[in-house]
Amino acid sequence: MQFETSSPEETKKIASDLASTLKGGEVIKAYGDLGAGKTAFCQGLGKSLGVKGIINSPTFNLIKVYQGSRFTLYHVDCYRLEKADEERKDLGLEEVMGDSHYITYIEWPMYGNEELLNYHPVITVKFEVLDEERRRISIEDERF
């Protein structure tokens, strides 16, 4: 599926529509340049999952956990792991990935460890900056 958006609100709506299909245990890998809309997408997911607080990028923490009314949302940002060795890339996500109580949303997954990179099935979301306002969002869903 492909979408074009012109605002963070439109990006959040696409995420909300995806969230309505989640049954628990899904791993969502988000790819795209800085400022492409990955965190806005996670905000839309979180709101639809019943998260009440503010969702912002976990770049410096690597992982932020949000309790929603439907599921617990793990928001992971692997950007800072780009130059880390394999041992330091172990985020301890084995217990949550695939568990029906959690949704795991991972930004910059290509910088994560092999287990993360090879995990399946996943929902892959790719963000492409078309211009200052517009984004193309492509979603590949391995669940079906």
Protein backbone atom coordinates (compact mmCIF):
# COMPACT_ATOMS: atom_id res chain seq x y z
CA MET A 1 0.00 0.00 0.00
CA GLN A 2 1.18 3.50 -0.78
CA PHE A 3 -0.02 6.85 0.49
CA GLU A 4 0.93 10.48 0.03
CA THR A 5 0.57 12.87 2.94
CA SER A 6 0.86 16.63 3.25
CA SER A 7 0.81 16.97 7.03
CA PRO A 8 1.67 15.15 10.25
CA GLU A 9 -2.08 14.79 10.87
CA GLU A 10 -2.50 12.83 7.63
CA THR A 11 0.47 10.64 8.58
CA LYS A 12 -1.10 9.98 11.99
CA LYS A 13 -4.41 9.03 10.31
CA ILE A 14 -2.67 6.39 8.18
CA ALA A 15 -1.05 5.02 11.35
CA SER A 16 -4.42 5.02 13.11
CA ASP A 17 -5.93 2.99 10.27
CA LEU A 18 -3.07 0.49 10.57
CA ALA A 19 -3.51 0.36 14.35
CA SER A 20 -7.11 -0.76 13.92
CA THR A 21 -5.81 -3.97 12.28
CA LEU A 22 -3.34 -4.86 15.05
CA LYS A 23 -4.06 -7.94 17.15
CA GLY A 24 -0.98 -7.82 19.39
CA GLY A 25 2.56 -9.03 18.90
CA GLU A 26 3.20 -7.06 15.73
CA VAL A 27 6.64 -5.68 15.00
CA ILE A 28 6.65 -2.55 12.84
CA LYS A 29 9.94 -1.48 11.25
CA ALA A 30 10.09 2.16 10.13
CA TYR A 31 12.62 3.34 7.53
CA GLY A 32 13.19 6.90 6.34
CA ASP A 33 15.39 9.95 6.60
CA LEU A 34 15.42 12.31 9.56
CA GLY A 35 12.23 14.35 9.56
CA ALA A 36 10.39 12.00 7.22
CA GLY A 37 7.51 11.28 9.61
CA LYS A 38 8.51 8.13 11.51
CA THR A 39 7.76 9.58 14.95
CA ALA A 40 4.51 11.23 13.77
CA PHE A 41 3.43 7.80 12.55
CA CYS A 42 4.21 6.30 15.97
CA GLN A 43 2.17 9.08 17.59
CA GLY A 44 -0.82 8.09 15.46
CA LEU A 45 -0.33 4.44 16.38
CA GLY A 46 -0.06 5.26 20.07
CA LYS A 47 -3.16 7.42 20.17
CA SER A 48 -5.17 4.68 18.48
CA LEU A 49 -3.83 2.14 20.97
CA GLY A 50 -5.07 4.33 23.84
CA VAL A 51 -1.79 5.94 24.91
CA LYS A 52 -2.67 9.09 26.86
CA GLY A 53 0.74 10.77 27.18
CA ILE A 54 2.97 12.52 24.71
CA ILE A 55 4.91 10.24 22.36
CA ASN A 56 8.24 11.65 21.27
CA SER A 57 11.38 10.20 19.75
CA PRO A 58 13.41 7.90 22.03
CA THR A 59 16.66 8.78 20.24
CA PHE A 60 18.62 9.38 23.44
CA ASN A 61 16.89 6.67 25.52
CA LEU A 62 16.74 4.12 22.66
CA ILE A 63 13.45 2.69 24.02
CA LYS A 64 10.33 4.31 25.43
CA VAL A 65 7.41 2.26 26.72
CA TYR A 66 3.85 3.58 26.62
CA GLN A 67 0.87 1.89 28.25
CA GLY A 68 -2.19 1.97 26.04
CA SER A 69 -5.69 0.72 26.69
CA ARG A 70 -5.30 -2.01 24.02
CA PHE A 71 -1.58 -2.86 24.13
CA THR A 72 1.73 -1.69 25.53
CA LEU A 73 3.67 0.18 22.84
CA TYR A 74 7.45 -0.20 22.69
CA HIS A 75 8.92 2.69 20.69
CA VAL A 76 12.51 1.89 19.74
CA ASP A 77 15.00 4.14 17.94
CA CYS A 78 18.17 2.40 16.76
CA TYR A 79 19.73 5.48 15.13
CA ARG A 80 22.46 5.84 17.77
CA LEU A 81 23.44 2.18 17.35
CA GLU A 82 24.79 2.67 13.82
CA LYS A 83 28.43 2.37 14.90
CA ALA A 84 27.91 0.16 17.97
CA ASP A 85 29.31 -3.36 18.14
CA GLU A 86 26.88 -6.31 18.10
CA GLU A 87 26.97 -6.76 21.87
CA ARG A 88 25.89 -3.17 22.51
CA LYS A 89 23.10 -3.53 19.94
CA ASP A 90 21.26 -6.06 22.11
CA LEU A 91 18.22 -4.11 23.29
CA GLY A 92 16.58 -6.99 25.16
CA LEU A 93 13.50 -6.98 22.97
CA GLU A 94 13.30 -10.77 22.64
CA GLU A 95 10.67 -10.93 25.41
CA VAL A 96 8.33 -8.42 23.78
CA MET A 97 8.67 -8.99 20.05
CA GLY A 98 5.81 -11.23 19.05
CA ASP A 99 4.15 -11.19 22.49
CA SER A 100 0.41 -10.54 22.10
CA HIS A 101 0.44 -7.88 24.84
CA TYR A 102 2.83 -5.60 22.94
CA ILE A 103 3.27 -3.66 19.74
CA THR A 104 6.92 -2.96 18.89
CA TYR A 105 7.65 0.04 16.65
CA ILE A 106 11.30 0.32 15.57
CA GLU A 107 12.83 3.34 13.86
CA TRP A 108 16.12 2.85 12.02
CA PRO A 109 15.98 -0.98 12.35
CA MET A 110 18.93 -1.41 9.96
CA TYR A 111 21.19 -0.30 12.82
CA GLY A 112 19.85 -2.93 15.19
CA ASN A 113 21.21 -6.41 15.83
CA GLU A 114 20.83 -9.49 13.62
CA GLU A 115 17.90 -10.84 15.64
CA LEU A 116 16.01 -7.62 15.08
CA LEU A 117 16.89 -7.46 11.39
CA ASN A 118 15.88 -11.06 10.76
CA TYR A 119 12.64 -11.02 12.78
CA HIS A 120 9.51 -12.00 10.81
CA PRO A 121 6.67 -11.44 10.22
CA VAL A 122 6.89 -7.66 10.27
CA ILE A 123 5.07 -4.66 9.00
CA THR A 124 7.54 -2.48 7.11
CA VAL A 125 6.78 1.23 6.78
CA LYS A 126 8.99 3.29 4.47
CA PHE A 127 8.90 7.08 4.49
CA GLU A 128 10.10 9.11 1.51
CA VAL A 129 10.38 12.90 1.60
CA LEU A 130 8.89 14.26 -1.65
CA ASP A 131 9.26 17.93 -0.74
CA GLU A 132 9.10 20.15 2.32
CA GLU A 133 5.46 19.21 3.03
CA ARG A 134 4.72 15.96 1.21
CA ARG A 135 5.72 12.42 2.13
CA ARG A 136 5.18 9.05 0.47
CA ILE A 137 4.45 6.26 2.92
CA SER A 138 4.72 2.65 1.74
CA ILE A 139 3.47 -0.19 3.93
CA GLU A 140 4.35 -3.85 3.40
CA ASP A 141 2.50 -6.20 5.72
CA GLU A 142 3.86 -9.74 6.05
CA ARG A 143 0.95 -10.82 8.26
CA PHE A 144 -1.23 -11.63 5.28
